[in-house]
């Protein structure tokens, strides 16, 4: 016993003698050039880039293909309606939200209202994408790891929509306040443009929800009357990428085989050809690499890889991937493609459809025409190979002139090329508004030899990790879905 006491006393004495030396060692071991915390501007840059990178990738793998703008030539599960959780959407966007929440917190602490407002807008866009894809999702308790909440509850989709609209309104107020938007690689720190984006995203949400919100039309009209929305391509919320890694367009580093796993769809090709639409030369690369020849294109059929569903189609446009052996975007004077949150063209089509719905009093054709022209301008089309002299010449003589609601849908569908998951969300809305039928969408039909009885899937499945790591809340969420965690389950947005 005495031996143990003496040993303990010796240890304590040595510890006390060494303590000052340890403190000095710790001081010596600190790097004065390494920051101990990350600033809000760095986090905001990261949040913008990571969320847009996710959505560019999912445009390529999911959004365009599910909407039949493009078609998969390999791994055709999306086209054949054999869907799963698509976990890269869930994981990628929730990871981005960790930075967004941190930005909001730091901005509030510093009294930087403009940065807080911009972060709220980005957060609303990300959450809208998640709930549109899956239905009920973790929302109010999401990103709660700092509070040791690793099993967040799922919020009701209707309540999420109501809060997103409220948050976007709050963001608009904050953006009129003090501060600045440092680290903004999306809109260059322009608070006025963030306000326009906030209001325009509200229009998108209201149109997506439609009659599920009792006062959607009144809210839509009030925003339009206020007038602070996207009004030209100069207002587009798009991310211009740089030339080098890690800030380059996400598809540029792909191997040839991976890029060629997606091609222009036969559906899109037929419609573009029917109108001699000059966007064809931007959405796809001519098979003969001759950019004066508008006839050198083929389309891949969305569906199974069989003789009845040929999978060979033209490569996607030069903006989306540089082939060193062929004409490149720079050789045509074109920039690399951008990451897209929202464009002016989409806003004009929203306004045109709102007129059709009776939500606003205006001229539907004027907005429809402006939407087409905005899309042509954004893609810097070359009219000459297609025989057009001006945009008006194309509109008046190509067969795209306005005659009704489905014209708006068709032209909006074409304009949403590479707009994240929005092409699919819109096709799903039209399918739902047509009574869960393809008959109301004259330019689309079920994909070839699909595995879902010709039904368009209505949602993505929840990731398997939710079942294993957040089971109680996962079970509560799927109990709210008629049919459970199924791709045909009708979330609130598409319930009759």
Foldseek 3Di string as FASTA:
>chain_A
DVVVVVVVVVVVVVCVVCVVVVVVVVVVPDDPVDDPDDDLLVLVLVLVQQLLLLLLVCLQVAQCCLLQQKAFLPPQCRLQVVFAQPCSLVVSLLVSVLSLVVSLVNCVVVVALQQNLLSLLSNLLSVVVVCQFAAFAQDPCRSVVVVVPPQGFTDHRVVSLVVSLVSLVSSLVSLVDDHWRRNDQFLVGDSLLSNQSSLLVLLVSLVLLPVLDVCSLVSNAVSVVVPSHDDAQNSFRWGAFDDDPPGHRNQAPDDPVVQQSMAGAQLNVVVCVLLLNLCVQAQFAFPVLDSLAPPRWAHFFRHDPDPVGPGDTTGTGLLAYPDPVGDHQVNVVHHRDIRGSDGPLLSLLSVLVSCVVVSDPDHSQVSLLVSLVRLCVVSVGDCVSSPADDSVSSQVPRPLRDDDDLSSVVSSLVSCNSNRNVNSSSVLSQCLVVVQDCVSNVSDFRTPNRDPVRGSFSHHFHDPVCCVRNNVSQVVVQVVWDVGRDRNTDHSSRDD
